[in-house]
Amino acid sequence: MEKTAAKKYQEIAERTEEKLRKLLSPQNFFGPLDWLEHHPGLRLSAKIAEPDWIDLEKKLSQRCRLSQGSTVGERYFFFFVPEIIGAPLNLERWQKLYPRPKEKNETTIHFRSYLDGQYRCWYCRSTFVSKGQVSRWHLAYPYPVTGSHGRSYDDQRQYLPFEHEVPAALDAVAMHLLYSTKNKHRLNEYFLGRTSDFGDPFQRLTVGRFGPNGLCVNGLDDDDSELEVGLFGFKKIKQSLQ
């Protein structure tokens, strides 16, 4: 980052971190300061979206409808997607941030298949690949929605709580990678979740099954009902650019 932009980003990141720590446990968020710690050297834009803190605090204190006996703040993962100067934050960029490891072990965070190499992913020519993410905050239930497993897409949507939406595939990818980076263990090792994007006209993209072989991005027809596939849900929040 340029010096002035880097300084401004640092200042905003530190202010944001103070507010986040008053509302959430550190393992439940990945903010602008985490990007500096875990991905140093990126040219990050200082145009950082700011949550409506009053609205956020209210929603974090609400009863979690997807996990009995918990609040939203205890069960959800709040994460920030930045704007990278000079390059869109698309799938190719995510795969550069989390490259193919030389050796796989219980702690490596990587994809199951990559856009380059001998075993390229089946969706490598899909428009999803070049689609960049919008810089914003997400309040995500980090597991497939309770009750949505083993159903068609239309049936799964009936289990989506009020004020929730189905995330884009890249946002589900970001959730898995950033959660796993912050918490030092992989998210959703045995389950996939449907997203709002398609890899081709008939295959809706699913994300998850994040085991030792890496994060899986797969496809599934909307009418299919596999037991290991649920639906992801992100809670809507208010936010604005600083």
C-alpha atoms as a PDB file:
ATOM      1  CA  MET A   1       0.000   0.000   0.000  1.00  0.00           C
ATOM      2  CA  GLU A   2       1.106   3.582  -0.556  1.00  0.00           C
ATOM      3  CA  LYS A   3       2.308   5.196   2.663  1.00  0.00           C
ATOM      4  CA  THR A   4      -0.636   7.563   3.151  1.00  0.00           C
ATOM      5  CA  ALA A   5      -3.198   4.911   2.221  1.00  0.00           C
ATOM      6  CA  ALA A   6      -1.454   2.360   4.445  1.00  0.00           C
ATOM      7  CA  LYS A   7      -1.477   4.746   7.393  1.00  0.00           C
ATOM      8  CA  LYS A   8      -5.152   5.560   6.927  1.00  0.00           C
ATOM      9  CA  TYR A   9      -6.018   1.854   6.628  1.00  0.00           C
ATOM     10  CA  GLN A  10      -4.058   1.120   9.830  1.00  0.00           C
ATOM     11  CA  GLU A  11      -5.870   3.861  11.738  1.00  0.00           C
ATOM     12  CA  ILE A  12      -9.305   2.690  10.632  1.00  0.00           C
ATOM     13  CA  ALA A  13      -8.374  -0.939  11.289  1.00  0.00           C
ATOM     14  CA  GLU A  14      -7.259  -0.187  14.856  1.00  0.00           C
ATOM     15  CA  ARG A  15     -10.410   1.809  15.647  1.00  0.00           C
ATOM     16  CA  THR A  16     -12.561  -0.953  14.202  1.00  0.00           C
ATOM     17  CA  GLU A  17     -10.699  -3.600  16.211  1.00  0.00           C
ATOM     18  CA  GLU A  18     -11.438  -1.782  19.470  1.00  0.00           C
ATOM     19  CA  LYS A  19     -15.149  -1.721  18.702  1.00  0.00           C
ATOM     20  CA  LEU A  20     -15.213  -5.361  17.585  1.00  0.00           C
ATOM     21  CA  ARG A  21     -13.549  -6.588  20.779  1.00  0.00           C
ATOM     22  CA  LYS A  22     -16.290  -4.924  22.831  1.00  0.00           C
ATOM     23  CA  LEU A  23     -18.947  -6.908  20.965  1.00  0.00           C
ATOM     24  CA  LEU A  24     -17.382 -10.236  19.999  1.00  0.00           C
ATOM     25  CA  SER A  25     -14.820 -12.797  21.079  1.00  0.00           C
ATOM     26  CA  PRO A  26     -11.699 -12.598  18.852  1.00  0.00           C
ATOM     27  CA  GLN A  27     -12.360 -16.041  17.363  1.00  0.00           C
ATOM     28  CA  ASN A  28     -15.742 -14.826  16.096  1.00  0.00           C
ATOM     29  CA  PHE A  29     -14.511 -12.089  13.776  1.00  0.00           C
ATOM     30  CA  PHE A  30     -11.937 -11.382  11.068  1.00  0.00           C
ATOM     31  CA  GLY A  31     -11.514  -7.636  10.649  1.00  0.00           C
ATOM     32  CA  PRO A  32      -9.267  -5.193   8.791  1.00  0.00           C
ATOM     33  CA  LEU A  33      -6.476  -5.626  11.359  1.00  0.00           C
ATOM     34  CA  ASP A  34      -6.552  -9.402  10.830  1.00  0.00           C
ATOM     35  CA  TRP A  35      -5.912  -8.823   7.130  1.00  0.00           C
ATOM     36  CA  LEU A  36      -2.719  -6.932   7.993  1.00  0.00           C
ATOM     37  CA  GLU A  37      -1.611  -9.697  10.348  1.00  0.00           C
ATOM     38  CA  HIS A  38      -2.387 -12.743   8.226  1.00  0.00           C
ATOM     39  CA  HIS A  39      -1.918 -11.312   4.709  1.00  0.00           C
ATOM     40  CA  PRO A  40       0.826  -8.666   4.943  1.00  0.00           C
ATOM     41  CA  GLY A  41       2.019  -6.973   1.776  1.00  0.00           C
ATOM     42  CA  LEU A  42      -1.373  -6.589   0.107  1.00  0.00           C
ATOM     43  CA  ARG A  43      -2.255  -3.133  -1.245  1.00  0.00           C
ATOM     44  CA  LEU A  44      -5.496  -2.650   0.668  1.00  0.00           C
ATOM     45  CA  SER A  45      -7.832   0.240  -0.026  1.00  0.00           C
ATOM     46  CA  ALA A  46      -8.560   2.539   2.916  1.00  0.00           C
ATOM     47  CA  LYS A  47     -12.199   2.719   1.757  1.00  0.00           C
ATOM     48  CA  ILE A  48     -13.401   0.411   4.501  1.00  0.00           C
ATOM     49  CA  ALA A  49     -17.087  -0.219   5.020  1.00  0.00           C
ATOM     50  CA  GLU A  50     -18.254   0.629   8.523  1.00  0.00           C
ATOM     51  CA  PRO A  51     -21.015  -1.386  10.165  1.00  0.00           C
ATOM     52  CA  ASP A  52     -23.938   0.397  11.749  1.00  0.00           C
ATOM     53  CA  TRP A  53     -22.654  -0.384  15.249  1.00  0.00           C
ATOM     54  CA  ILE A  54     -26.011   0.139  16.965  1.00  0.00           C
ATOM     55  CA  ASP A  55     -27.750  -2.183  14.495  1.00  0.00           C
ATOM     56  CA  LEU A  56     -24.922  -4.713  14.775  1.00  0.00           C
ATOM     57  CA  GLU A  57     -24.958  -4.776  18.577  1.00  0.00           C
ATOM     58  CA  LYS A  58     -28.718  -5.311  18.534  1.00  0.00           C
ATOM     59  CA  LYS A  59     -28.461  -8.223  16.103  1.00  0.00           C
ATOM     60  CA  LEU A  60     -25.555  -9.854  17.923  1.00  0.00           C
ATOM     61  CA  SER A  61     -27.594  -9.892  21.147  1.00  0.00           C
ATOM     62  CA  GLN A  62     -30.588 -11.583  19.490  1.00  0.00           C
ATOM     63  CA  ARG A  63     -31.392 -15.200  20.225  1.00  0.00           C
ATOM     64  CA  CYS A  64     -29.825 -17.484  17.636  1.00  0.00           C
ATOM     65  CA  ARG A  65     -32.621 -19.279  15.800  1.00  0.00           C
ATOM     66  CA  LEU A  66     -30.185 -21.859  14.411  1.00  0.00           C
ATOM     67  CA  SER A  67     -28.539 -22.932  17.674  1.00  0.00           C
ATOM     68  CA  GLN A  68     -30.588 -23.320  20.849  1.00  0.00           C
ATOM     69  CA  GLY A  69     -29.394 -21.559  23.981  1.00  0.00           C
ATOM     70  CA  SER A  70     -27.034 -19.173  22.154  1.00  0.00           C
ATOM     71  CA  THR A  71     -27.026 -15.611  20.889  1.00  0.00           C
ATOM     72  CA  VAL A  72     -26.128 -14.567  17.352  1.00  0.00           C
ATOM     73  CA  GLY A  73     -22.864 -13.092  18.669  1.00  0.00           C
ATOM     74  CA  GLU A  74     -21.870 -16.418  20.201  1.00  0.00           C
ATOM     75  CA  ARG A  75     -22.532 -18.547  17.123  1.00  0.00           C
ATOM     76  CA  TYR A  76     -22.020 -16.356  14.035  1.00  0.00           C
ATOM     77  CA  PHE A  77     -18.778 -15.308  12.332  1.00  0.00           C
ATOM     78  CA  PHE A  78     -18.407 -11.616  11.423  1.00  0.00           C
ATOM     79  CA  PHE A  79     -15.843 -11.003   8.698  1.00  0.00           C
ATOM     80  CA  PHE A  80     -14.606  -8.259   6.412  1.00  0.00           C
ATOM     81  CA  VAL A  81     -13.826  -8.538   2.689  1.00  0.00           C
ATOM     82  CA  PRO A  82     -11.455  -5.715   1.632  1.00  0.00           C
ATOM     83  CA  GLU A  83     -10.829  -4.015  -1.670  1.00  0.00           C
ATOM     84  CA  ILE A  84      -7.386  -4.883  -3.038  1.00  0.00           C
ATOM     85  CA  ILE A  85      -5.870  -2.040  -5.058  1.00  0.00           C
ATOM     86  CA  GLY A  86      -5.081  -2.994  -8.646  1.00  0.00           C
ATOM     87  CA  ALA A  87      -6.675  -6.445  -8.619  1.00  0.00           C
ATOM     88  CA  PRO A  88     -10.194  -7.782  -8.045  1.00  0.00           C
ATOM     89  CA  LEU A  89     -10.647 -10.161  -5.143  1.00  0.00           C
ATOM     90  CA  ASN A  90     -11.824 -13.090  -7.246  1.00  0.00           C
ATOM     91  CA  LEU A  91     -11.229 -16.835  -7.055  1.00  0.00           C
ATOM     92  CA  GLU A  92      -7.816 -16.566  -8.691  1.00  0.00           C
ATOM     93  CA  ARG A  93      -6.724 -14.044  -6.053  1.00  0.00           C
ATOM     94  CA  TRP A  94      -8.024 -16.224  -3.207  1.00  0.00           C
ATOM     95  CA  GLN A  95      -6.048 -19.144  -4.586  1.00  0.00           C
ATOM     96  CA  LYS A  96      -2.905 -16.990  -4.603  1.00  0.00           C
ATOM     97  CA  LEU A  97      -3.561 -16.044  -0.976  1.00  0.00           C
ATOM     98  CA  TYR A  98      -3.967 -19.738  -0.136  1.00  0.00           C
ATOM     99  CA  PRO A  99      -1.698 -21.541  -2.631  1.00  0.00           C
ATOM    100  CA  ARG A 100      -1.261 -25.247  -3.146  1.00  0.00           C
ATOM    101  CA  PRO A 101       0.915 -26.493  -0.250  1.00  0.00           C
ATOM    102  CA  LYS A 102       4.070 -28.518  -0.777  1.00  0.00           C
ATOM    103  CA  GLU A 103       2.963 -30.832   2.016  1.00  0.00           C
ATOM    104  CA  LYS A 104      -0.565 -31.294   3.354  1.00  0.00           C
ATOM    105  CA  ASN A 105      -1.139 -31.673   7.088  1.00  0.00           C
ATOM    106  CA  GLU A 106      -3.815 -31.069   9.690  1.00  0.00           C
ATOM    107  CA  THR A 107      -3.275 -27.300   9.739  1.00  0.00           C
ATOM    108  CA  THR A 108      -2.721 -26.310   6.096  1.00  0.00           C
ATOM    109  CA  ILE A 109      -5.447 -24.120   4.590  1.00  0.00           C
ATOM    110  CA  HIS A 110      -5.804 -24.579   0.855  1.00  0.00           C
ATOM    111  CA  PHE A 111      -8.201 -25.509  -1.964  1.00  0.00           C
ATOM    112  CA  ARG A 112      -8.898 -29.040  -3.100  1.00  0.00           C
ATOM    113  CA  SER A 113      -8.386 -28.086  -6.763  1.00  0.00           C
ATOM    114  CA  TYR A 114      -6.847 -25.047  -8.449  1.00  0.00           C
ATOM    115  CA  LEU A 115      -7.372 -23.086 -11.641  1.00  0.00           C
ATOM    116  CA  ASP A 116      -3.895 -24.030 -12.847  1.00  0.00           C
ATOM    117  CA  GLY A 117      -2.018 -27.304 -12.847  1.00  0.00           C
ATOM    118  CA  GLN A 118      -2.746 -30.811 -14.075  1.00  0.00           C
ATOM    119  CA  TYR A 119      -6.025 -31.307 -12.187  1.00  0.00           C
ATOM    120  CA  ARG A 120      -7.912 -28.092 -12.893  1.00  0.00           C
ATOM    121  CA  CYS A 121     -11.291 -27.442 -11.330  1.00  0.00           C
ATOM    122  CA  TRP A 122     -14.317 -28.260 -13.446  1.00  0.00           C
ATOM    123  CA  TYR A 123     -15.652 -24.687 -13.140  1.00  0.00           C
ATOM    124  CA  CYS A 124     -12.416 -23.025 -14.389  1.00  0.00           C
ATOM    125  CA  ARG A 125     -14.213 -21.488 -17.409  1.00  0.00           C
ATOM    126  CA  SER A 126     -17.269 -20.337 -15.490  1.00  0.00           C
ATOM    127  CA  THR A 127     -18.076 -16.637 -15.109  1.00  0.00           C
ATOM    128  CA  PHE A 128     -17.938 -17.256 -11.349  1.00  0.00           C
ATOM    129  CA  VAL A 129     -14.136 -17.510 -11.590  1.00  0.00           C
ATOM    130  CA  SER A 130     -13.516 -13.954 -12.812  1.00  0.00           C
ATOM    131  CA  LYS A 131     -16.277 -12.371 -10.740  1.00  0.00           C
ATOM    132  CA  GLY A 132     -14.797 -10.055  -8.104  1.00  0.00           C
ATOM    133  CA  GLN A 133     -16.149  -9.597  -4.602  1.00  0.00           C
ATOM    134  CA  VAL A 134     -17.667  -6.399  -3.290  1.00  0.00           C
ATOM    135  CA  SER A 135     -15.827  -4.980  -0.275  1.00  0.00           C
ATOM    136  CA  ARG A 136     -18.155  -5.295   2.716  1.00  0.00           C
ATOM    137  CA  TRP A 137     -18.855  -6.976   6.053  1.00  0.00           C
ATOM    138  CA  HIS A 138     -20.691 -10.284   6.406  1.00  0.00           C
ATOM    139  CA  LEU A 139     -22.454 -11.763   9.429  1.00  0.00           C
ATOM    140  CA  ALA A 140     -22.450 -15.463   8.645  1.00  0.00           C
ATOM    141  CA  TYR A 141     -23.838 -18.535  10.328  1.00  0.00           C
ATOM    142  CA  PRO A 142     -20.728 -20.613   9.603  1.00  0.00           C
ATOM    143  CA  TYR A 143     -22.510 -23.935   9.122  1.00  0.00           C
ATOM    144  CA  PRO A 144     -25.302 -25.079   6.819  1.00  0.00           C
ATOM    145  CA  VAL A 145     -28.669 -23.882   8.130  1.00  0.00           C
ATOM    146  CA  THR A 146     -30.197 -26.211  10.700  1.00  0.00           C
ATOM    147  CA  GLY A 147     -32.735 -28.560   9.091  1.00  0.00           C
ATOM    148  CA  SER A 148     -31.659 -27.825   5.509  1.00  0.00           C
ATOM    149  CA  HIS A 149     -29.586 -30.955   4.886  1.00  0.00           C
ATOM    150  CA  GLY A 150     -30.800 -33.564   2.433  1.00  0.00           C
ATOM    151  CA  ARG A 151     -33.371 -31.373   0.669  1.00  0.00           C
ATOM    152  CA  SER A 152     -33.842 -29.667  -2.692  1.00  0.00           C
ATOM    153  CA  TYR A 153     -32.817 -26.010  -2.964  1.00  0.00           C
ATOM    154  CA  ASP A 154     -36.418 -24.739  -2.867  1.00  0.00           C
ATOM    155  CA  ASP A 155     -37.153 -26.814   0.238  1.00  0.00           C
ATOM    156  CA  GLN A 156     -33.941 -25.639   1.891  1.00  0.00           C
ATOM    157  CA  ARG A 157     -34.888 -21.976   1.482  1.00  0.00           C
ATOM    158  CA  GLN A 158     -37.896 -22.554   3.744  1.00  0.00           C
ATOM    159  CA  TYR A 159     -35.436 -23.099   6.625  1.00  0.00           C
ATOM    160  CA  LEU A 160     -33.704 -19.759   6.063  1.00  0.00           C
ATOM    161  CA  PRO A 161     -34.499 -17.511   9.069  1.00  0.00           C
ATOM    162  CA  PHE A 162     -35.932 -14.014   8.760  1.00  0.00           C
ATOM    163  CA  GLU A 163     -33.426 -11.328   7.641  1.00  0.00           C
ATOM    164  CA  HIS A 164     -31.103 -13.945   6.162  1.00  0.00           C
ATOM    165  CA  GLU A 165     -29.946 -14.416   2.569  1.00  0.00           C
ATOM    166  CA  VAL A 166     -28.119 -17.107   0.610  1.00  0.00           C
ATOM    167  CA  PRO A 167     -24.511 -15.918   0.113  1.00  0.00           C
ATOM    168  CA  ALA A 168     -22.570 -15.735  -3.129  1.00  0.00           C
ATOM    169  CA  ALA A 169     -20.114 -18.577  -3.653  1.00  0.00           C
ATOM    170  CA  LEU A 170     -17.043 -16.371  -3.148  1.00  0.00           C
ATOM    171  CA  ASP A 171     -18.458 -15.061   0.129  1.00  0.00           C
ATOM    172  CA  ALA A 172     -18.886 -18.659   1.324  1.00  0.00           C
ATOM    173  CA  VAL A 173     -15.303 -19.359   0.199  1.00  0.00           C
ATOM    174  CA  ALA A 174     -14.086 -16.301   2.156  1.00  0.00           C
ATOM    175  CA  MET A 175     -15.988 -17.419   5.258  1.00  0.00           C
ATOM    176  CA  HIS A 176     -14.292 -20.830   5.253  1.00  0.00           C
ATOM    177  CA  LEU A 177     -10.783 -19.513   4.611  1.00  0.00           C
ATOM    178  CA  LEU A 178     -10.907 -16.610   7.075  1.00  0.00           C
ATOM    179  CA  TYR A 179     -12.635 -18.581   9.839  1.00  0.00           C
ATOM    180  CA  SER A 180     -10.104 -21.379   9.480  1.00  0.00           C
ATOM    181  CA  THR A 181      -7.205 -18.914   9.440  1.00  0.00           C
ATOM    182  CA  LYS A 182      -8.387 -17.187  12.617  1.00  0.00           C
ATOM    183  CA  ASN A 183      -9.334 -20.334  14.531  1.00  0.00           C
ATOM    184  CA  LYS A 184      -6.543 -22.661  13.359  1.00  0.00           C
ATOM    185  CA  HIS A 185      -8.924 -25.420  12.342  1.00  0.00           C
ATOM    186  CA  ARG A 186     -10.954 -26.143   9.221  1.00  0.00           C
ATOM    187  CA  LEU A 187     -14.639 -25.332   9.009  1.00  0.00           C
ATOM    188  CA  ASN A 188     -17.309 -27.804   7.791  1.00  0.00           C
ATOM    189  CA  GLU A 189     -15.094 -30.812   7.236  1.00  0.00           C
ATOM    190  CA  TYR A 190     -17.966 -33.156   6.372  1.00  0.00           C
ATOM    191  CA  PHE A 191     -20.665 -30.880   4.929  1.00  0.00           C
ATOM    192  CA  LEU A 192     -21.281 -28.681   1.888  1.00  0.00           C
ATOM    193  CA  GLY A 193     -23.586 -25.677   1.687  1.00  0.00           C
ATOM    194  CA  ARG A 194     -25.428 -24.322  -1.345  1.00  0.00           C
ATOM    195  CA  THR A 195     -24.799 -20.722  -2.460  1.00  0.00           C
ATOM    196  CA  SER A 196     -26.569 -18.282  -4.791  1.00  0.00           C
ATOM    197  CA  ASP A 197     -24.129 -18.800  -7.706  1.00  0.00           C
ATOM    198  CA  PHE A 198     -23.974 -21.293 -10.559  1.00  0.00           C
ATOM    199  CA  GLY A 199     -20.878 -22.965 -12.000  1.00  0.00           C
ATOM    200  CA  ASP A 200     -22.790 -23.722 -15.180  1.00  0.00           C
ATOM    201  CA  PRO A 201     -26.464 -23.230 -16.156  1.00  0.00           C
ATOM    202  CA  PHE A 202     -27.565 -26.313 -14.214  1.00  0.00           C
ATOM    203  CA  GLN A 203     -25.110 -26.744 -11.355  1.00  0.00           C
ATOM    204  CA  ARG A 204     -25.496 -24.490  -8.311  1.00  0.00           C
ATOM    205  CA  LEU A 205     -22.169 -24.001  -6.550  1.00  0.00           C
ATOM    206  CA  THR A 206     -21.653 -25.593  -3.153  1.00  0.00           C
ATOM    207  CA  VAL A 207     -18.777 -24.883  -0.771  1.00  0.00           C
ATOM    208  CA  GLY A 208     -17.372 -26.817   2.170  1.00  0.00           C
ATOM    209  CA  ARG A 209     -16.218 -30.358   2.948  1.00  0.00           C
ATOM    210  CA  PHE A 210     -13.024 -28.654   4.133  1.00  0.00           C
ATOM    211  CA  GLY A 211     -10.916 -31.666   5.101  1.00  0.00           C
ATOM    212  CA  PRO A 212      -7.186 -32.440   4.781  1.00  0.00           C
ATOM    213  CA  ASN A 213      -7.534 -32.455   0.970  1.00  0.00           C
ATOM    214  CA  GLY A 214      -8.603 -28.815   0.957  1.00  0.00           C
ATOM    215  CA  LEU A 215     -11.673 -26.622   0.546  1.00  0.00           C
ATOM    216  CA  CYS A 216     -14.126 -28.120  -1.927  1.00  0.00           C
ATOM    217  CA  VAL A 217     -16.101 -26.005  -4.408  1.00  0.00           C
ATOM    218  CA  ASN A 218     -18.556 -28.276  -6.168  1.00  0.00           C
ATOM    219  CA  GLY A 219     -21.823 -28.167  -8.111  1.00  0.00           C
ATOM    220  CA  LEU A 220     -25.256 -29.690  -7.567  1.00  0.00           C
ATOM    221  CA  ASP A 221     -28.606 -29.550  -9.359  1.00  0.00           C
ATOM    222  CA  ASP A 222     -31.265 -27.680  -7.399  1.00  0.00           C
ATOM    223  CA  ASP A 223     -33.551 -30.727  -7.385  1.00  0.00           C
ATOM    224  CA  ASP A 224     -30.907 -33.017  -5.870  1.00  0.00           C
ATOM    225  CA  SER A 225     -31.119 -33.763  -2.162  1.00  0.00           C
ATOM    226  CA  GLU A 226     -27.865 -35.167  -0.802  1.00  0.00           C
ATOM    227  CA  LEU A 227     -27.638 -35.756   2.954  1.00  0.00           C
ATOM    228  CA  GLU A 228     -24.290 -33.964   3.275  1.00  0.00           C
ATOM    229  CA  VAL A 229     -25.507 -30.798   1.501  1.00  0.00           C
ATOM    230  CA  GLY A 230     -27.311 -27.979   3.300  1.00  0.00           C
ATOM    231  CA  LEU A 231     -27.833 -24.270   2.630  1.00  0.00           C
ATOM    232  CA  PHE A 232     -25.718 -21.366   3.897  1.00  0.00           C
ATOM    233  CA  GLY A 233     -27.387 -18.306   5.398  1.00  0.00           C
ATOM    234  CA  PHE A 234     -25.894 -14.856   6.106  1.00  0.00           C
ATOM    235  CA  LYS A 235     -27.727 -12.359   8.301  1.00  0.00           C
ATOM    236  CA  LYS A 236     -28.371  -8.968   6.686  1.00  0.00           C
ATOM    237  CA  ILE A 237     -26.693  -5.983   8.369  1.00  0.00           C
ATOM    238  CA  LYS A 238     -26.494  -2.233   7.801  1.00  0.00           C
ATOM    239  CA  GLN A 239     -23.154  -0.723   6.757  1.00  0.00           C
ATOM    240  CA  SER A 240     -21.670   2.273   4.947  1.00  0.00           C
ATOM    241  CA  LEU A 241     -18.312   3.444   3.560  1.00  0.00           C
ATOM    242  CA  GLN A 242     -16.120   5.609   5.779  1.00  0.00           C
END
